[in-house]
């Protein structure tokens, strides 16, 4: 689905469903990678096949159900290790760890897993572990940040609202809006599509991004990069 860049913080479109189809479930979505997603071609071309093969994705349902199971207020996340930079990888060979909201009952946990696997597609075919954890996911849609001077207007930097995801001792994402100082070459574009279906997102600056769990034969910490997406999902 095409991504929509919105100029003002806090304005996100929540309906990503195909026209004419009823939305079953909707909510907030965060994603962070180990490569810039908003960058100039010179940067992305130098990174391809080298980095960008790890990511954390997180969904929080604000309303709706999956296969008849109410998921309102519950969250699920996935840490993914791919075979290469995600635009060039073989998705079916990726490995993943799922993190499921501890507030969910057994039926809801299964529904959250099914939802995440449907939205993330082939990259969640090989789930090596499922962990139950407290999950905190929030997007500050009430933020109304002013553009950071003339350079911001000149470069039309996206203004995603600040967001945060945390699963205790397992994974985290923390973001802030991009500003003029994040415009390095003056030719920045969205270099990659988000990893989840059904999303409307804006790129954001990653203040924190890590996975410290087991199962993927790898942990990582990749803060201080233009490597996140913030938005909503609907299916």
C-alpha atoms as a PDB file:
ATOM      1  CA  UNK A   1       0.000   0.000   0.000  1.00  0.00           C
ATOM      2  CA  UNK A   2       1.231   3.465  -0.787  1.00  0.00           C
ATOM      3  CA  UNK A   3       2.546   5.426   2.145  1.00  0.00           C
ATOM      4  CA  UNK A   4       1.188   8.884   2.784  1.00  0.00           C
ATOM      5  CA  UNK A   5       3.451  11.601   4.110  1.00  0.00           C
ATOM      6  CA  UNK A   6       1.597  14.104   6.218  1.00  0.00           C
ATOM      7  CA  UNK A   7       2.969  17.516   7.046  1.00  0.00           C
ATOM      8  CA  UNK A   8       1.653  17.939  10.586  1.00  0.00           C
ATOM      9  CA  UNK A   9       2.433  15.849  13.649  1.00  0.00           C
ATOM     10  CA  UNK A  10      -0.496  13.938  15.022  1.00  0.00           C
ATOM     11  CA  UNK A  11      -2.455  13.591  11.799  1.00  0.00           C
ATOM     12  CA  UNK A  12      -2.441   9.962  10.768  1.00  0.00           C
ATOM     13  CA  UNK A  13      -4.935   8.185   8.572  1.00  0.00           C
ATOM     14  CA  UNK A  14      -6.329   5.117  10.286  1.00  0.00           C
ATOM     15  CA  UNK A  15      -8.136   3.444   7.427  1.00  0.00           C
ATOM     16  CA  UNK A  16      -5.832   1.275   5.350  1.00  0.00           C
ATOM     17  CA  UNK A  17      -8.425  -1.222   4.297  1.00  0.00           C
ATOM     18  CA  UNK A  18      -9.215  -1.906   0.690  1.00  0.00           C
ATOM     19  CA  UNK A  19     -12.074   0.244  -0.528  1.00  0.00           C
ATOM     20  CA  UNK A  20     -15.388  -1.491  -0.050  1.00  0.00           C
ATOM     21  CA  UNK A  21     -14.126  -3.923   2.593  1.00  0.00           C
ATOM     22  CA  UNK A  22     -15.086  -3.660   6.248  1.00  0.00           C
ATOM     23  CA  UNK A  23     -12.258  -3.075   8.688  1.00  0.00           C
ATOM     24  CA  UNK A  24     -11.994  -5.862  11.274  1.00  0.00           C
ATOM     25  CA  UNK A  25      -9.226  -4.414  13.369  1.00  0.00           C
ATOM     26  CA  UNK A  26      -7.218  -1.200  13.583  1.00  0.00           C
ATOM     27  CA  UNK A  27      -4.577   0.340  15.780  1.00  0.00           C
ATOM     28  CA  UNK A  28      -1.100   1.817  16.145  1.00  0.00           C
ATOM     29  CA  UNK A  29       2.013   0.547  14.382  1.00  0.00           C
ATOM     30  CA  UNK A  30       5.752   1.025  14.971  1.00  0.00           C
ATOM     31  CA  UNK A  31       8.713  -0.362  13.086  1.00  0.00           C
ATOM     32  CA  UNK A  32      12.463   0.129  13.402  1.00  0.00           C
ATOM     33  CA  UNK A  33      15.243  -1.367  11.301  1.00  0.00           C
ATOM     34  CA  UNK A  34      19.013  -1.608  11.322  1.00  0.00           C
ATOM     35  CA  UNK A  35      19.219   0.661   8.263  1.00  0.00           C
ATOM     36  CA  UNK A  36      17.855   4.101   7.425  1.00  0.00           C
ATOM     37  CA  UNK A  37      14.395   4.017   5.867  1.00  0.00           C
ATOM     38  CA  UNK A  38      14.401   7.759   5.131  1.00  0.00           C
ATOM     39  CA  UNK A  39      17.648   8.623   3.410  1.00  0.00           C
ATOM     40  CA  UNK A  40      19.373   9.629   0.215  1.00  0.00           C
ATOM     41  CA  UNK A  41      20.070   7.090  -2.533  1.00  0.00           C
ATOM     42  CA  UNK A  42      23.815   7.409  -1.940  1.00  0.00           C
ATOM     43  CA  UNK A  43      23.315   6.165   1.627  1.00  0.00           C
ATOM     44  CA  UNK A  44      20.818   3.397   0.841  1.00  0.00           C
ATOM     45  CA  UNK A  45      22.898   2.109  -2.077  1.00  0.00           C
ATOM     46  CA  UNK A  46      25.953   1.866   0.162  1.00  0.00           C
ATOM     47  CA  UNK A  47      24.017  -0.062   2.830  1.00  0.00           C
ATOM     48  CA  UNK A  48      22.169  -2.587   0.687  1.00  0.00           C
ATOM     49  CA  UNK A  49      23.273  -6.219   1.227  1.00  0.00           C
ATOM     50  CA  UNK A  50      25.326  -5.067   4.236  1.00  0.00           C
ATOM     51  CA  UNK A  51      22.825  -3.894   6.886  1.00  0.00           C
ATOM     52  CA  UNK A  52      19.081  -3.598   7.253  1.00  0.00           C
ATOM     53  CA  UNK A  53      18.410  -7.304   7.829  1.00  0.00           C
ATOM     54  CA  UNK A  54      17.020  -6.916  11.371  1.00  0.00           C
ATOM     55  CA  UNK A  55      13.886  -5.192  12.577  1.00  0.00           C
ATOM     56  CA  UNK A  56      11.351  -4.873  15.353  1.00  0.00           C
ATOM     57  CA  UNK A  57       7.664  -4.434  14.457  1.00  0.00           C
ATOM     58  CA  UNK A  58       4.858  -3.746  16.916  1.00  0.00           C
ATOM     59  CA  UNK A  59       1.091  -3.497  16.585  1.00  0.00           C
ATOM     60  CA  UNK A  60      -1.369  -2.284  19.241  1.00  0.00           C
ATOM     61  CA  UNK A  61      -5.055  -2.839  18.589  1.00  0.00           C
ATOM     62  CA  UNK A  62      -7.182   0.170  19.470  1.00  0.00           C
ATOM     63  CA  UNK A  63     -10.419  -1.436  18.348  1.00  0.00           C
ATOM     64  CA  UNK A  64     -11.662  -4.541  16.636  1.00  0.00           C
ATOM     65  CA  UNK A  65     -11.305  -8.297  16.602  1.00  0.00           C
ATOM     66  CA  UNK A  66      -9.450 -11.026  14.751  1.00  0.00           C
ATOM     67  CA  UNK A  67     -11.383 -14.122  13.717  1.00  0.00           C
ATOM     68  CA  UNK A  68     -14.098 -13.165  16.173  1.00  0.00           C
ATOM     69  CA  UNK A  69     -11.768 -12.585  19.144  1.00  0.00           C
ATOM     70  CA  UNK A  70     -11.841  -9.078  20.620  1.00  0.00           C
ATOM     71  CA  UNK A  71      -8.301  -7.643  20.773  1.00  0.00           C
ATOM     72  CA  UNK A  72      -9.024  -4.067  21.849  1.00  0.00           C
ATOM     73  CA  UNK A  73      -6.195  -2.635  23.938  1.00  0.00           C
ATOM     74  CA  UNK A  74      -3.815  -5.551  23.304  1.00  0.00           C
ATOM     75  CA  UNK A  75      -0.452  -5.586  21.530  1.00  0.00           C
ATOM     76  CA  UNK A  76       1.900  -7.959  19.757  1.00  0.00           C
ATOM     77  CA  UNK A  77       5.419  -7.476  18.421  1.00  0.00           C
ATOM     78  CA  UNK A  78       7.955  -9.325  16.306  1.00  0.00           C
ATOM     79  CA  UNK A  79      11.731  -9.244  16.158  1.00  0.00           C
ATOM     80  CA  UNK A  80      12.914 -10.411  12.746  1.00  0.00           C
ATOM     81  CA  UNK A  81      16.273 -11.489  11.412  1.00  0.00           C
ATOM     82  CA  UNK A  82      16.342 -11.678   7.632  1.00  0.00           C
ATOM     83  CA  UNK A  83      18.770 -13.125   5.128  1.00  0.00           C
ATOM     84  CA  UNK A  84      19.806  -9.727   3.779  1.00  0.00           C
ATOM     85  CA  UNK A  85      18.605  -6.129   3.565  1.00  0.00           C
ATOM     86  CA  UNK A  86      14.830  -6.520   3.693  1.00  0.00           C
ATOM     87  CA  UNK A  87      14.238  -5.181   0.207  1.00  0.00           C
ATOM     88  CA  UNK A  88      16.588  -7.816  -1.213  1.00  0.00           C
ATOM     89  CA  UNK A  89      16.037 -10.770   1.116  1.00  0.00           C
ATOM     90  CA  UNK A  90      14.176 -14.040   0.847  1.00  0.00           C
ATOM     91  CA  UNK A  91      11.279 -13.406   3.249  1.00  0.00           C
ATOM     92  CA  UNK A  92      10.404 -17.080   3.689  1.00  0.00           C
ATOM     93  CA  UNK A  93      13.889 -17.736   5.126  1.00  0.00           C
ATOM     94  CA  UNK A  94      13.673 -15.079   7.833  1.00  0.00           C
ATOM     95  CA  UNK A  95      13.527 -16.073  11.502  1.00  0.00           C
ATOM     96  CA  UNK A  96      11.385 -14.301  14.060  1.00  0.00           C
ATOM     97  CA  UNK A  97      10.506 -14.104  17.727  1.00  0.00           C
ATOM     98  CA  UNK A  98       6.978 -13.051  18.639  1.00  0.00           C
ATOM     99  CA  UNK A  99       6.240 -11.059  21.794  1.00  0.00           C
ATOM    100  CA  UNK A 100       2.640 -11.305  22.974  1.00  0.00           C
ATOM    101  CA  UNK A 101       0.875  -9.037  25.432  1.00  0.00           C
ATOM    102  CA  UNK A 102       0.709 -10.571  28.902  1.00  0.00           C
ATOM    103  CA  UNK A 103      -2.764  -9.060  29.363  1.00  0.00           C
ATOM    104  CA  UNK A 104      -4.179 -11.328  26.659  1.00  0.00           C
ATOM    105  CA  UNK A 105      -5.904 -14.570  27.595  1.00  0.00           C
ATOM    106  CA  UNK A 106      -4.915 -17.794  25.737  1.00  0.00           C
ATOM    107  CA  UNK A 107      -7.503 -17.279  22.993  1.00  0.00           C
ATOM    108  CA  UNK A 108      -6.468 -13.660  22.499  1.00  0.00           C
ATOM    109  CA  UNK A 109      -2.804 -14.639  22.375  1.00  0.00           C
ATOM    110  CA  UNK A 110      -3.480 -17.019  19.512  1.00  0.00           C
ATOM    111  CA  UNK A 111      -5.476 -14.332  17.707  1.00  0.00           C
ATOM    112  CA  UNK A 112      -2.676 -11.788  18.165  1.00  0.00           C
ATOM    113  CA  UNK A 113      -0.178 -14.260  16.737  1.00  0.00           C
ATOM    114  CA  UNK A 114      -2.434 -14.986  13.763  1.00  0.00           C
ATOM    115  CA  UNK A 115      -2.922 -11.263  13.122  1.00  0.00           C
ATOM    116  CA  UNK A 116       0.812 -10.504  13.224  1.00  0.00           C
ATOM    117  CA  UNK A 117       1.625 -13.406  10.922  1.00  0.00           C
ATOM    118  CA  UNK A 118      -1.010 -12.288   8.423  1.00  0.00           C
ATOM    119  CA  UNK A 119       0.117  -8.661   8.433  1.00  0.00           C
ATOM    120  CA  UNK A 120       3.856  -9.393   8.269  1.00  0.00           C
ATOM    121  CA  UNK A 121       3.507 -12.208   5.750  1.00  0.00           C
ATOM    122  CA  UNK A 122       6.293 -14.622   4.875  1.00  0.00           C
ATOM    123  CA  UNK A 123       8.835 -13.110   7.257  1.00  0.00           C
ATOM    124  CA  UNK A 124       6.859 -14.569  10.158  1.00  0.00           C
ATOM    125  CA  UNK A 125       6.567 -18.064   8.698  1.00  0.00           C
ATOM    126  CA  UNK A 126       9.526 -19.287  10.752  1.00  0.00           C
ATOM    127  CA  UNK A 127       8.668 -18.301  14.334  1.00  0.00           C
ATOM    128  CA  UNK A 128      11.383 -19.722  16.576  1.00  0.00           C
ATOM    129  CA  UNK A 129       9.921 -18.538  19.881  1.00  0.00           C
ATOM    130  CA  UNK A 130       6.839 -16.903  21.360  1.00  0.00           C
ATOM    131  CA  UNK A 131       7.357 -14.871  24.537  1.00  0.00           C
ATOM    132  CA  UNK A 132       4.665 -13.430  26.793  1.00  0.00           C
ATOM    133  CA  UNK A 133       5.610 -10.019  28.169  1.00  0.00           C
ATOM    134  CA  UNK A 134       4.221  -6.708  29.363  1.00  0.00           C
ATOM    135  CA  UNK A 135       4.027  -4.430  26.320  1.00  0.00           C
ATOM    136  CA  UNK A 136       3.843  -0.653  26.267  1.00  0.00           C
ATOM    137  CA  UNK A 137       3.119   1.010  22.923  1.00  0.00           C
ATOM    138  CA  UNK A 138       2.105   4.637  22.622  1.00  0.00           C
ATOM    139  CA  UNK A 139       2.017   7.313  19.927  1.00  0.00           C
ATOM    140  CA  UNK A 140       1.805  10.909  21.108  1.00  0.00           C
ATOM    141  CA  UNK A 141      -0.766  12.125  18.629  1.00  0.00           C
ATOM    142  CA  UNK A 142      -1.404  15.236  20.729  1.00  0.00           C
ATOM    143  CA  UNK A 143       2.037  16.594  19.964  1.00  0.00           C
ATOM    144  CA  UNK A 144       2.049  19.760  17.880  1.00  0.00           C
ATOM    145  CA  UNK A 145       5.687  20.439  17.146  1.00  0.00           C
ATOM    146  CA  UNK A 146       6.588  23.483  15.109  1.00  0.00           C
ATOM    147  CA  UNK A 147       8.805  23.080  12.038  1.00  0.00           C
ATOM    148  CA  UNK A 148      12.456  23.611  12.931  1.00  0.00           C
ATOM    149  CA  UNK A 149      13.125  26.745  10.919  1.00  0.00           C
ATOM    150  CA  UNK A 150      13.271  27.464   7.172  1.00  0.00           C
ATOM    151  CA  UNK A 151      15.329  24.356   6.420  1.00  0.00           C
ATOM    152  CA  UNK A 152      12.483  22.146   7.571  1.00  0.00           C
ATOM    153  CA  UNK A 153      10.063  23.776   5.151  1.00  0.00           C
ATOM    154  CA  UNK A 154      12.606  23.736   2.359  1.00  0.00           C
ATOM    155  CA  UNK A 155      13.255  20.006   2.653  1.00  0.00           C
ATOM    156  CA  UNK A 156       9.670  19.063   3.535  1.00  0.00           C
ATOM    157  CA  UNK A 157      10.755  16.740   6.302  1.00  0.00           C
ATOM    158  CA  UNK A 158       7.991  14.404   7.502  1.00  0.00           C
ATOM    159  CA  UNK A 159       6.716  15.048  11.013  1.00  0.00           C
ATOM    160  CA  UNK A 160       5.684  11.759  12.602  1.00  0.00           C
ATOM    161  CA  UNK A 161       4.566  12.094  16.219  1.00  0.00           C
ATOM    162  CA  UNK A 162       6.854  10.785  18.957  1.00  0.00           C
ATOM    163  CA  UNK A 163       6.284   7.115  19.715  1.00  0.00           C
ATOM    164  CA  UNK A 164       7.469   4.414  22.055  1.00  0.00           C
ATOM    165  CA  UNK A 165       7.344   0.641  22.263  1.00  0.00           C
ATOM    166  CA  UNK A 166       8.817  -1.445  25.061  1.00  0.00           C
ATOM    167  CA  UNK A 167       8.652  -5.122  25.989  1.00  0.00           C
ATOM    168  CA  UNK A 168      10.486  -5.601  29.279  1.00  0.00           C
ATOM    169  CA  UNK A 169      14.089  -6.809  28.787  1.00  0.00           C
ATOM    170  CA  UNK A 170      13.271  -7.929  25.241  1.00  0.00           C
ATOM    171  CA  UNK A 171      12.846  -5.126  22.737  1.00  0.00           C
ATOM    172  CA  UNK A 172      12.289  -1.406  22.412  1.00  0.00           C
ATOM    173  CA  UNK A 173      11.641   1.355  19.894  1.00  0.00           C
ATOM    174  CA  UNK A 174      11.666   5.057  20.729  1.00  0.00           C
ATOM    175  CA  UNK A 175      11.237   7.745  18.077  1.00  0.00           C
ATOM    176  CA  UNK A 176      11.028  11.489  17.589  1.00  0.00           C
ATOM    177  CA  UNK A 177       9.989  13.553  14.581  1.00  0.00           C
ATOM    178  CA  UNK A 178      12.605  14.185  11.920  1.00  0.00           C
ATOM    179  CA  UNK A 179      13.943  17.731  11.857  1.00  0.00           C
ATOM    180  CA  UNK A 180      16.113  19.865   9.605  1.00  0.00           C
ATOM    181  CA  UNK A 181      19.297  18.535  11.191  1.00  0.00           C
ATOM    182  CA  UNK A 182      18.360  15.065   9.937  1.00  0.00           C
ATOM    183  CA  UNK A 183      18.499  16.261   6.335  1.00  0.00           C
ATOM    184  CA  UNK A 184      22.069  15.335   5.438  1.00  0.00           C
ATOM    185  CA  UNK A 185      22.296  15.253   1.648  1.00  0.00           C
ATOM    186  CA  UNK A 186      19.157  17.209   0.765  1.00  0.00           C
ATOM    187  CA  UNK A 187      17.897  14.367  -1.399  1.00  0.00           C
ATOM    188  CA  UNK A 188      16.192  12.189   1.210  1.00  0.00           C
ATOM    189  CA  UNK A 189      13.346   9.906   0.200  1.00  0.00           C
ATOM    190  CA  UNK A 190      11.545   6.907   1.684  1.00  0.00           C
ATOM    191  CA  UNK A 191      13.921   4.147   0.656  1.00  0.00           C
ATOM    192  CA  UNK A 192      11.857   1.117   1.711  1.00  0.00           C
ATOM    193  CA  UNK A 193       8.273   0.027   2.149  1.00  0.00           C
ATOM    194  CA  UNK A 194       7.172  -0.889   5.690  1.00  0.00           C
ATOM    195  CA  UNK A 195       7.303  -4.571   6.586  1.00  0.00           C
ATOM    196  CA  UNK A 196       3.628  -4.823   7.560  1.00  0.00           C
ATOM    197  CA  UNK A 197       0.609  -4.784   5.293  1.00  0.00           C
ATOM    198  CA  UNK A 198      -2.293  -2.424   5.850  1.00  0.00           C
ATOM    199  CA  UNK A 199      -0.337   0.498   7.278  1.00  0.00           C
ATOM    200  CA  UNK A 200      -0.283   4.267   6.837  1.00  0.00           C
ATOM    201  CA  UNK A 201       3.058   5.520   8.129  1.00  0.00           C
ATOM    202  CA  UNK A 202       5.555   8.328   8.266  1.00  0.00           C
ATOM    203  CA  UNK A 203       9.322   7.925   8.686  1.00  0.00           C
ATOM    204  CA  UNK A 204      10.780   8.996  12.022  1.00  0.00           C
ATOM    205  CA  UNK A 205      14.119   9.388  13.766  1.00  0.00           C
ATOM    206  CA  UNK A 206      15.046   6.424  15.942  1.00  0.00           C
ATOM    207  CA  UNK A 207      16.217   7.386  19.420  1.00  0.00           C
ATOM    208  CA  UNK A 208      16.228   3.793  20.638  1.00  0.00           C
ATOM    209  CA  UNK A 209      15.934   0.428  18.905  1.00  0.00           C
ATOM    210  CA  UNK A 210      17.059  -2.872  20.341  1.00  0.00           C
ATOM    211  CA  UNK A 211      16.350  -6.562  20.664  1.00  0.00           C
ATOM    212  CA  UNK A 212      17.895  -8.381  23.607  1.00  0.00           C
ATOM    213  CA  UNK A 213      15.944 -11.625  23.535  1.00  0.00           C
ATOM    214  CA  UNK A 214      16.992 -15.161  22.684  1.00  0.00           C
ATOM    215  CA  UNK A 215      16.178 -17.329  19.708  1.00  0.00           C
ATOM    216  CA  UNK A 216      17.556 -15.375  16.758  1.00  0.00           C
ATOM    217  CA  UNK A 217      21.252 -16.071  17.432  1.00  0.00           C
ATOM    218  CA  UNK A 218      21.633 -12.309  17.388  1.00  0.00           C
ATOM    219  CA  UNK A 219      20.866  -9.297  19.520  1.00  0.00           C
ATOM    220  CA  UNK A 220      21.182  -5.715  18.400  1.00  0.00           C
ATOM    221  CA  UNK A 221      21.047  -2.079  19.363  1.00  0.00           C
ATOM    222  CA  UNK A 222      20.662   0.434  16.553  1.00  0.00           C
ATOM    223  CA  UNK A 223      19.754   3.897  17.902  1.00  0.00           C
ATOM    224  CA  UNK A 224      20.341   7.336  16.400  1.00  0.00           C
ATOM    225  CA  UNK A 225      19.256   6.691  12.833  1.00  0.00           C
ATOM    226  CA  UNK A 226      16.487   7.655  10.408  1.00  0.00           C
ATOM    227  CA  UNK A 227      15.246   4.107  10.577  1.00  0.00           C
ATOM    228  CA  UNK A 228      11.679   4.006  11.939  1.00  0.00           C
ATOM    229  CA  UNK A 229       8.107   4.128  10.717  1.00  0.00           C
ATOM    230  CA  UNK A 230       5.284   5.474  12.896  1.00  0.00           C
ATOM    231  CA  UNK A 231       1.616   5.219  12.014  1.00  0.00           C
ATOM    232  CA  UNK A 232      -1.484   3.084  12.062  1.00  0.00           C
ATOM    233  CA  UNK A 233      -2.671  -0.199  10.659  1.00  0.00           C
ATOM    234  CA  UNK A 234      -6.092  -1.401   9.586  1.00  0.00           C
ATOM    235  CA  UNK A 235      -7.215  -4.720   8.178  1.00  0.00           C
END
